Amino acid sequence: MDEETKSLKGAALEEASRNQTAKKAARILLESSSGFVVPSASQKLLLLIELAKLNVVIYGKAFDILKLSEHVDLDDPVAISRNIEKITFCEIKSSSRNLPDDFKGYFFALTGAELLVAQNLKQRFKFILVNIKSGAHVELSLQELLGRARGIYPTWSIMF
């Protein structure tokens, strides 16, 4: 097996592991009865369309889960439009490491798309840090996240 194939297999395994951690984190949030909802692909599309009508452009892959302050029919564009302020878009950052409940020492990547979406949506966007071992989670706005950061290390990830 050549080095490129080994590298691709390693990246695929790492991504699969990350996806499993993210799925467990979403399950923890859904079970918390805190108003979290995982939108279907068609619901995500409707949300993106309704936001675009409000001149708010976001990237659909820059959020994983929604938090609703009260029920909103996510299959109805009119309901979405009328209740957009009741919808918080959330990006899950999950870990299976032993971390304190305040996540001190947690190191994770923040994509350019996530940053732009957080800037565009302001208080309607939250980062949800989830520890899948303890079930602890913390909700942070972009400002809160950056305010707690002890270091920021810009990077570009490139794949050939």
N, C-alpha and C. Protein backbone atom coordinates (compact mmCIF):
# COMPACT_ATOMS: atom_id res chain seq x y z
N MET A 1 0.86 -1.17 0.00
CA MET A 1 0.00 0.00 0.00
C MET A 1 0.90 1.24 0.00
N ASP A 2 0.66 2.17 -0.93
CA ASP A 2 1.50 3.36 -1.00
C ASP A 2 1.12 4.37 0.09
N GLU A 3 1.98 5.37 0.28
CA GLU A 3 1.79 6.35 1.35
C GLU A 3 0.50 7.16 1.17
N GLU A 4 0.16 7.50 -0.07
CA GLU A 4 -1.05 8.28 -0.32
C GLU A 4 -2.29 7.49 0.10
N THR A 5 -2.34 6.22 -0.23
CA THR A 5 -3.47 5.37 0.15
C THR A 5 -3.57 5.25 1.66
N LYS A 6 -2.41 5.05 2.34
CA LYS A 6 -2.39 4.99 3.81
C LYS A 6 -2.91 6.29 4.41
N SER A 7 -2.47 7.40 3.85
CA SER A 7 -2.88 8.71 4.34
C SER A 7 -4.39 8.91 4.18
N LEU A 8 -4.92 8.54 3.02
CA LEU A 8 -6.36 8.68 2.77
C LEU A 8 -7.17 7.78 3.70
N LYS A 9 -6.70 6.55 3.91
CA LYS A 9 -7.39 5.63 4.83
C LYS A 9 -7.37 6.19 6.25
N GLY A 10 -6.24 6.72 6.66
CA GLY A 10 -6.12 7.31 7.99
C GLY A 10 -7.06 8.49 8.15
N ALA A 11 -7.12 9.34 7.13
CA ALA A 11 -8.03 10.50 7.17
C ALA A 11 -9.48 10.04 7.21
N ALA A 12 -9.80 9.00 6.45
CA ALA A 12 -11.18 8.48 6.44
C ALA A 12 -11.56 7.91 7.80
N LEU A 13 -10.64 7.19 8.44
CA LEU A 13 -10.91 6.65 9.79
C LEU A 13 -11.07 7.76 10.81
N GLU A 14 -10.23 8.78 10.71
CA GLU A 14 -10.33 9.91 11.63
C GLU A 14 -11.66 10.63 11.45
N GLU A 15 -12.08 10.82 10.20
CA GLU A 15 -13.37 11.47 9.91
C GLU A 15 -14.52 10.63 10.42
N ALA A 16 -14.47 9.33 10.24
CA ALA A 16 -15.53 8.44 10.72
C ALA A 16 -15.63 8.52 12.24
N SER A 17 -14.50 8.55 12.91
CA SER A 17 -14.48 8.67 14.37
C SER A 17 -15.07 10.00 14.79
N ARG A 18 -14.70 11.08 14.09
CA ARG A 18 -15.22 12.42 14.39
C ARG A 18 -16.74 12.44 14.18
N ASN A 19 -17.21 11.80 13.11
CA ASN A 19 -18.65 11.76 12.84
C ASN A 19 -19.39 11.02 13.94
N GLN A 20 -18.81 9.91 14.44
CA GLN A 20 -19.46 9.16 15.52
C GLN A 20 -19.55 10.01 16.78
N THR A 21 -18.48 10.75 17.09
CA THR A 21 -18.48 11.62 18.26
C THR A 21 -19.54 12.71 18.10
N ALA A 22 -19.62 13.30 16.90
CA ALA A 22 -20.61 14.35 16.64
C ALA A 22 -22.03 13.80 16.75
N LYS A 23 -22.27 12.58 16.27
CA LYS A 23 -23.60 11.97 16.37
C LYS A 23 -23.97 11.72 17.83
N LYS A 24 -23.03 11.25 18.62
CA LYS A 24 -23.29 11.03 20.05
C LYS A 24 -23.59 12.36 20.73
N ALA A 25 -22.85 13.39 20.36
CA ALA A 25 -23.07 14.72 20.94
C ALA A 25 -24.47 15.23 20.60
N ALA A 26 -24.89 15.06 19.35
CA ALA A 26 -26.24 15.49 18.94
C ALA A 26 -27.29 14.73 19.74
N ARG A 27 -27.08 13.44 19.94
CA ARG A 27 -28.03 12.62 20.71
C ARG A 27 -28.14 13.15 22.16
N ILE A 28 -27.01 13.50 22.74
CA ILE A 28 -27.01 14.05 24.10
C ILE A 28 -27.84 15.32 24.15
N LEU A 29 -27.66 16.19 23.17
CA LEU A 29 -28.42 17.45 23.13
C LEU A 29 -29.91 17.20 22.93
N LEU A 30 -30.25 16.28 22.03
CA LEU A 30 -31.66 15.96 21.78
C LEU A 30 -32.33 15.41 23.04
N GLU A 31 -31.60 14.60 23.79
CA GLU A 31 -32.14 13.99 25.00
C GLU A 31 -32.21 14.96 26.18
N SER A 32 -31.58 16.12 26.04
CA SER A 32 -31.56 17.09 27.13
C SER A 32 -32.88 17.84 27.28
N SER A 33 -33.79 17.67 26.33
CA SER A 33 -35.09 18.36 26.35
C SER A 33 -34.93 19.87 26.45
N SER A 34 -33.95 20.40 25.76
CA SER A 34 -33.68 21.84 25.79
C SER A 34 -34.10 22.54 24.51
N GLY A 35 -34.93 21.90 23.69
CA GLY A 35 -35.39 22.52 22.46
C GLY A 35 -34.52 22.28 21.26
N PHE A 36 -33.58 21.35 21.36
CA PHE A 36 -32.70 21.06 20.22
C PHE A 36 -33.42 20.18 19.21
N VAL A 37 -33.16 20.45 17.92
CA VAL A 37 -33.75 19.70 16.81
C VAL A 37 -32.69 19.56 15.73
N VAL A 38 -32.56 18.35 15.19
CA VAL A 38 -31.69 18.15 14.04
C VAL A 38 -32.55 18.28 12.79
N PRO A 39 -32.29 19.31 11.97
CA PRO A 39 -33.12 19.50 10.77
C PRO A 39 -32.77 18.48 9.69
N SER A 40 -33.80 18.07 8.95
CA SER A 40 -33.58 17.20 7.80
C SER A 40 -32.94 18.02 6.68
N ALA A 41 -32.50 17.37 5.64
CA ALA A 41 -31.89 18.07 4.50
C ALA A 41 -32.88 19.05 3.88
N SER A 42 -34.14 18.65 3.74
CA SER A 42 -35.14 19.55 3.15
C SER A 42 -35.44 20.72 4.08
N GLN A 43 -35.45 20.49 5.38
CA GLN A 43 -35.67 21.58 6.33
C GLN A 43 -34.50 22.55 6.32
N LYS A 44 -33.28 22.03 6.20
CA LYS A 44 -32.10 22.90 6.11
C LYS A 44 -32.21 23.81 4.88
N LEU A 45 -32.63 23.22 3.77
CA LEU A 45 -32.78 24.00 2.54
C LEU A 45 -33.81 25.11 2.73
N LEU A 46 -34.95 24.79 3.33
CA LEU A 46 -35.98 25.81 3.58
C LEU A 46 -35.43 26.92 4.49
N LEU A 47 -34.68 26.56 5.50
CA LEU A 47 -34.08 27.56 6.39
C LEU A 47 -33.14 28.48 5.63
N LEU A 48 -32.30 27.89 4.78
CA LEU A 48 -31.35 28.69 3.99
C LEU A 48 -32.08 29.64 3.05
N ILE A 49 -33.16 29.17 2.45
CA ILE A 49 -33.95 30.01 1.54
C ILE A 49 -34.60 31.17 2.29
N GLU A 50 -35.20 30.87 3.44
CA GLU A 50 -35.85 31.93 4.22
C GLU A 50 -34.85 32.95 4.73
N LEU A 51 -33.67 32.51 5.12
CA LEU A 51 -32.64 33.45 5.55
C LEU A 51 -32.17 34.31 4.38
N ALA A 52 -32.02 33.69 3.20
CA ALA A 52 -31.59 34.44 2.02
C ALA A 52 -32.61 35.53 1.68
N LYS A 53 -33.89 35.26 1.87
CA LYS A 53 -34.93 36.27 1.64
C LYS A 53 -34.76 37.47 2.57
N LEU A 54 -34.12 37.24 3.72
CA LEU A 54 -33.85 38.31 4.68
C LEU A 54 -32.46 38.91 4.47
N ASN A 55 -31.83 38.56 3.34
CA ASN A 55 -30.48 39.01 3.00
C ASN A 55 -29.43 38.50 3.99
N VAL A 56 -29.68 37.34 4.56
CA VAL A 56 -28.72 36.70 5.45
C VAL A 56 -28.26 35.43 4.75
N VAL A 57 -27.01 35.44 4.31
CA VAL A 57 -26.48 34.28 3.59
C VAL A 57 -25.61 33.48 4.54
N ILE A 58 -25.92 32.19 4.65
CA ILE A 58 -25.11 31.31 5.49
C ILE A 58 -24.81 30.04 4.72
N TYR A 59 -23.86 29.30 5.22
CA TYR A 59 -23.46 28.04 4.62
C TYR A 59 -24.16 26.92 5.38
N GLY A 60 -24.86 26.06 4.67
CA GLY A 60 -25.63 25.00 5.29
C GLY A 60 -24.81 24.01 6.10
N LYS A 61 -23.54 23.87 5.76
CA LYS A 61 -22.69 22.92 6.49
C LYS A 61 -22.07 23.55 7.73
N ALA A 62 -22.35 24.81 7.97
CA ALA A 62 -21.75 25.50 9.12
C ALA A 62 -22.64 25.46 10.36
N PHE A 63 -23.69 24.63 10.32
CA PHE A 63 -24.47 24.39 11.53
C PHE A 63 -24.96 22.96 11.50
N ASP A 64 -25.07 22.37 12.69
CA ASP A 64 -25.42 20.96 12.82
C ASP A 64 -26.81 20.75 13.38
N ILE A 65 -27.23 21.65 14.24
CA ILE A 65 -28.44 21.44 15.02
C ILE A 65 -29.08 22.81 15.26
N LEU A 66 -30.37 22.79 15.55
CA LEU A 66 -31.08 24.02 15.86
C LEU A 66 -31.56 23.96 17.29
N LYS A 67 -31.73 25.14 17.87
CA LYS A 67 -32.38 25.22 19.19
C LYS A 67 -33.58 26.13 19.01
N LEU A 68 -34.77 25.60 19.32
CA LEU A 68 -36.00 26.36 19.15
C LEU A 68 -36.49 26.83 20.51
N SER A 69 -36.82 28.13 20.61
CA SER A 69 -37.34 28.64 21.87
C SER A 69 -38.79 28.22 22.08
N GLU A 70 -39.47 27.90 20.99
CA GLU A 70 -40.79 27.26 21.02
C GLU A 70 -40.99 26.56 19.68
N HIS A 71 -42.02 25.74 19.59
CA HIS A 71 -42.21 24.92 18.38
C HIS A 71 -42.31 25.78 17.12
N VAL A 72 -41.58 25.38 16.08
CA VAL A 72 -41.66 25.99 14.76
C VAL A 72 -41.76 24.84 13.77
N ASP A 73 -42.74 24.91 12.86
CA ASP A 73 -42.88 23.88 11.83
C ASP A 73 -41.80 24.11 10.78
N LEU A 74 -40.74 23.33 10.83
CA LEU A 74 -39.60 23.51 9.93
C LEU A 74 -39.85 23.00 8.52
N ASP A 75 -41.03 22.44 8.29
CA ASP A 75 -41.41 22.01 6.95
C ASP A 75 -42.25 23.07 6.24
N ASP A 76 -42.55 24.16 6.92
CA ASP A 76 -43.41 25.22 6.39
C ASP A 76 -42.63 26.52 6.26
N PRO A 77 -42.36 26.95 5.02
CA PRO A 77 -41.58 28.18 4.82
C PRO A 77 -42.19 29.41 5.48
N VAL A 78 -43.52 29.49 5.49
CA VAL A 78 -44.20 30.63 6.11
C VAL A 78 -43.95 30.62 7.63
N ALA A 79 -44.07 29.44 8.24
CA ALA A 79 -43.82 29.32 9.68
C ALA A 79 -42.37 29.68 10.01
N ILE A 80 -41.45 29.25 9.17
CA ILE A 80 -40.04 29.59 9.39
C ILE A 80 -39.85 31.10 9.32
N SER A 81 -40.40 31.71 8.29
CA SER A 81 -40.27 33.15 8.09
C SER A 81 -40.85 33.94 9.27
N ARG A 82 -42.01 33.53 9.74
CA ARG A 82 -42.68 34.23 10.84
C ARG A 82 -42.00 34.02 12.19
N ASN A 83 -41.26 32.94 12.31
CA ASN A 83 -40.68 32.56 13.60
C ASN A 83 -39.16 32.49 13.60
N ILE A 84 -38.51 33.13 12.65
CA ILE A 84 -37.06 33.01 12.50
C ILE A 84 -36.33 33.43 13.78
N GLU A 85 -36.89 34.38 14.53
CA GLU A 85 -36.22 34.83 15.76
C GLU A 85 -36.28 33.78 16.87
N LYS A 86 -37.09 32.74 16.69
CA LYS A 86 -37.20 31.66 17.67
C LYS A 86 -36.22 30.52 17.37
N ILE A 87 -35.45 30.68 16.30
CA ILE A 87 -34.53 29.64 15.85
C ILE A 87 -33.09 30.09 16.08
N THR A 88 -32.35 29.28 16.83
CA THR A 88 -30.92 29.51 17.01
C THR A 88 -30.18 28.41 16.26
N PHE A 89 -29.27 28.80 15.39
CA PHE A 89 -28.47 27.86 14.62
C PHE A 89 -27.23 27.52 15.44
N CYS A 90 -26.91 26.23 15.52
CA CYS A 90 -25.83 25.80 16.40
C CYS A 90 -24.84 24.88 15.69
N GLU A 91 -23.60 25.09 15.99
CA GLU A 91 -22.52 24.23 15.53
C GLU A 91 -22.03 23.43 16.72
N ILE A 92 -22.01 22.12 16.58
CA ILE A 92 -21.56 21.25 17.67
C ILE A 92 -20.05 21.03 17.56
N LYS A 93 -19.38 21.22 18.67
CA LYS A 93 -17.97 20.87 18.81
C LYS A 93 -17.93 19.84 19.93
N SER A 94 -17.54 18.61 19.59
CA SER A 94 -17.65 17.53 20.57
C SER A 94 -16.30 16.90 20.87
N SER A 95 -16.22 16.33 22.06
CA SER A 95 -14.99 15.67 22.49
C SER A 95 -15.32 14.43 23.30
N SER A 96 -14.46 13.44 23.18
CA SER A 96 -14.58 12.24 24.01
C SER A 96 -13.46 12.20 25.05
N ARG A 97 -12.75 13.31 25.19
CA ARG A 97 -11.66 13.39 26.16
C ARG A 97 -12.20 13.66 27.56
N ASN A 98 -11.39 13.40 28.56
CA ASN A 98 -11.74 13.75 29.93
C ASN A 98 -11.49 15.24 30.10
N LEU A 99 -12.56 16.02 30.14
CA LEU A 99 -12.46 17.47 30.27
C LEU A 99 -13.29 17.94 31.45
N PRO A 100 -12.91 19.06 32.04
CA PRO A 100 -13.79 19.62 33.08
C PRO A 100 -15.07 20.15 32.43
N ASP A 101 -16.11 20.35 33.24
CA ASP A 101 -17.39 20.80 32.69
C ASP A 101 -17.33 22.18 32.05
N ASP A 102 -16.30 22.98 32.38
CA ASP A 102 -16.15 24.29 31.74
C ASP A 102 -15.32 24.22 30.46
N PHE A 103 -14.87 22.99 30.11
CA PHE A 103 -14.11 22.70 28.88
C PHE A 103 -12.73 23.35 28.85
N LYS A 104 -12.23 23.78 29.99
CA LYS A 104 -10.88 24.37 30.03
C LYS A 104 -9.88 23.34 29.50
N GLY A 105 -9.03 23.79 28.58
CA GLY A 105 -8.04 22.91 27.97
C GLY A 105 -8.52 22.28 26.67
N TYR A 106 -9.77 22.53 26.28
CA TYR A 106 -10.32 21.96 25.05
C TYR A 106 -9.72 22.69 23.85
N PHE A 107 -9.26 21.94 22.88
CA PHE A 107 -8.64 22.50 21.67
C PHE A 107 -9.42 21.97 20.48
N PHE A 108 -9.92 22.83 19.61
CA PHE A 108 -10.72 22.40 18.47
C PHE A 108 -10.54 23.37 17.31
N ALA A 109 -10.99 22.95 16.15
CA ALA A 109 -10.89 23.76 14.94
C ALA A 109 -12.18 24.54 14.73
N LEU A 110 -12.03 25.72 14.21
CA LEU A 110 -13.15 26.58 13.84
C LEU A 110 -12.96 26.91 12.37
N THR A 111 -13.92 26.52 11.52
CA THR A 111 -13.76 26.75 10.09
C THR A 111 -14.11 28.20 9.73
N GLY A 112 -13.63 28.61 8.57
CA GLY A 112 -13.97 29.93 8.06
C GLY A 112 -15.47 30.07 7.87
N ALA A 113 -16.12 29.02 7.38
CA ALA A 113 -17.57 29.06 7.17
C ALA A 113 -18.30 29.24 8.51
N GLU A 114 -17.87 28.53 9.54
CA GLU A 114 -18.51 28.66 10.86
C GLU A 114 -18.35 30.08 11.40
N LEU A 115 -17.15 30.63 11.24
CA LEU A 115 -16.89 31.99 11.69
C LEU A 115 -17.79 32.99 10.97
N LEU A 116 -17.89 32.87 9.64
CA LEU A 116 -18.73 33.79 8.86
C LEU A 116 -20.20 33.66 9.22
N VAL A 117 -20.67 32.43 9.41
CA VAL A 117 -22.08 32.22 9.78
C VAL A 117 -22.34 32.83 11.15
N ALA A 118 -21.43 32.61 12.08
CA ALA A 118 -21.59 33.19 13.43
C ALA A 118 -21.63 34.71 13.36
N GLN A 119 -20.80 35.30 12.52
CA GLN A 119 -20.80 36.76 12.37
C GLN A 119 -22.10 37.25 11.74
N ASN A 120 -22.60 36.53 10.75
CA ASN A 120 -23.83 36.94 10.07
C ASN A 120 -25.07 36.81 10.96
N LEU A 121 -25.14 35.72 11.71
CA LEU A 121 -26.34 35.46 12.52
C LEU A 121 -26.29 36.09 13.91
N LYS A 122 -25.12 36.53 14.33
CA LYS A 122 -24.91 37.16 15.64
C LYS A 122 -25.49 36.30 16.77
N GLN A 123 -26.46 36.79 17.53
CA GLN A 123 -26.99 36.05 18.69
C GLN A 123 -27.87 34.87 18.29
N ARG A 124 -28.16 34.72 17.00
CA ARG A 124 -28.95 33.56 16.54
C ARG A 124 -28.05 32.39 16.18
N PHE A 125 -26.77 32.46 16.56
CA PHE A 125 -25.83 31.37 16.31
C PHE A 125 -25.07 31.07 17.58
N LYS A 126 -24.96 29.79 17.92
CA LYS A 126 -24.22 29.36 19.11
C LYS A 126 -23.30 28.21 18.77
N PHE A 127 -22.19 28.17 19.43
CA PHE A 127 -21.32 27.00 19.41
C PHE A 127 -21.70 26.18 20.63
N ILE A 128 -21.94 24.89 20.44
CA ILE A 128 -22.30 24.01 21.54
C ILE A 128 -21.13 23.05 21.74
N LEU A 129 -20.43 23.20 22.85
CA LEU A 129 -19.34 22.29 23.20
C LEU A 129 -19.96 21.14 23.98
N VAL A 130 -19.71 19.92 23.52
CA VAL A 130 -20.32 18.74 24.16
C VAL A 130 -19.24 17.73 24.51
N ASN A 131 -19.24 17.30 25.76
CA ASN A 131 -18.36 16.24 26.21
C ASN A 131 -19.19 14.96 26.22
N ILE A 132 -18.90 14.05 25.29
CA ILE A 132 -19.74 12.85 25.19
C ILE A 132 -19.47 11.85 26.31
N LYS A 133 -18.38 12.03 27.04
CA LYS A 133 -18.12 11.15 28.19
C LYS A 133 -18.98 11.54 29.38
N SER A 134 -19.04 12.83 29.68
CA SER A 134 -19.76 13.29 30.87
C SER A 134 -21.18 13.76 30.55
N GLY A 135 -21.44 14.08 29.28
CA GLY A 135 -22.75 14.63 28.90
C GLY A 135 -22.84 16.13 29.11
N ALA A 136 -21.78 16.74 29.64
CA ALA A 136 -21.78 18.19 29.87
C ALA A 136 -21.78 18.92 28.54
N HIS A 137 -22.49 20.04 28.52
CA HIS A 137 -22.41 20.89 27.33
C HIS A 137 -22.51 22.36 27.73
N VAL A 138 -21.90 23.19 26.88
CA VAL A 138 -21.86 24.63 27.09
C VAL A 138 -22.26 25.29 25.78
N GLU A 139 -23.12 26.30 25.87
CA GLU A 139 -23.55 27.07 24.70
C GLU A 139 -22.85 28.42 24.74
N LEU A 140 -22.19 28.78 23.63
CA LEU A 140 -21.44 30.03 23.58
C LEU A 140 -21.69 30.77 22.27
N SER A 141 -21.87 32.08 22.36
CA SER A 141 -21.89 32.91 21.16
C SER A 141 -20.46 33.04 20.66
N LEU A 142 -20.28 33.58 19.49
CA LEU A 142 -18.93 33.79 18.96
C LEU A 142 -18.12 34.68 19.90
N GLN A 143 -18.75 35.75 20.40
CA GLN A 143 -18.06 36.66 21.29
C GLN A 143 -17.64 35.95 22.59
N GLU A 144 -18.53 35.13 23.14
CA GLU A 144 -18.21 34.39 24.35
C GLU A 144 -17.09 33.38 24.10
N LEU A 145 -17.16 32.72 22.95
CA LEU A 145 -16.14 31.74 22.59
C LEU A 145 -14.76 32.40 22.49
N LEU A 146 -14.70 33.51 21.76
CA LEU A 146 -13.43 34.21 21.59
C LEU A 146 -12.96 34.82 22.90
N GLY A 147 -13.90 35.24 23.74
CA GLY A 147 -13.55 35.81 25.05
C GLY A 147 -12.92 34.79 25.98
N ARG A 148 -13.28 33.53 25.83
CA ARG A 148 -12.72 32.47 26.68
C ARG A 148 -11.45 31.87 26.11
N ALA A 149 -11.15 32.18 24.85
CA ALA A 149 -9.99 31.58 24.18
C ALA A 149 -8.69 32.03 24.84
N ARG A 150 -7.83 31.06 25.14
CA ARG A 150 -6.51 31.37 25.69
C ARG A 150 -5.47 31.45 24.57
N GLY A 151 -5.85 31.03 23.39
CA GLY A 151 -4.96 31.09 22.24
C GLY A 151 -5.75 30.82 20.98
N ILE A 152 -5.36 31.47 19.90
CA ILE A 152 -5.99 31.26 18.60
C ILE A 152 -4.86 31.03 17.61
N TYR A 153 -4.93 29.91 16.89
CA TYR A 153 -3.87 29.52 15.98
C TYR A 153 -4.45 29.37 14.58
N PRO A 154 -4.40 30.44 13.75
CA PRO A 154 -4.96 30.35 12.40
C PRO A 154 -4.26 29.27 11.59
N THR A 155 -5.04 28.56 10.78
CA THR A 155 -4.48 27.50 9.94
C THR A 155 -5.35 27.33 8.70
N TRP A 156 -4.76 26.77 7.69
CA TRP A 156 -5.50 26.39 6.49
C TRP A 156 -5.29 24.89 6.31
N SER A 157 -6.35 24.16 6.10
CA SER A 157 -6.25 22.73 5.84
C SER A 157 -6.38 22.52 4.35
N ILE A 158 -5.41 21.84 3.76
CA ILE A 158 -5.38 21.64 2.31
C ILE A 158 -5.26 20.16 2.03
N MET A 159 -6.10 19.67 1.12
CA MET A 159 -6.03 18.27 0.73
C MET A 159 -5.85 18.18 -0.77
N PHE A 160 -4.90 17.41 -1.21
CA PHE A 160 -4.67 17.21 -2.65
C PHE A 160 -5.38 15.96 -3.09
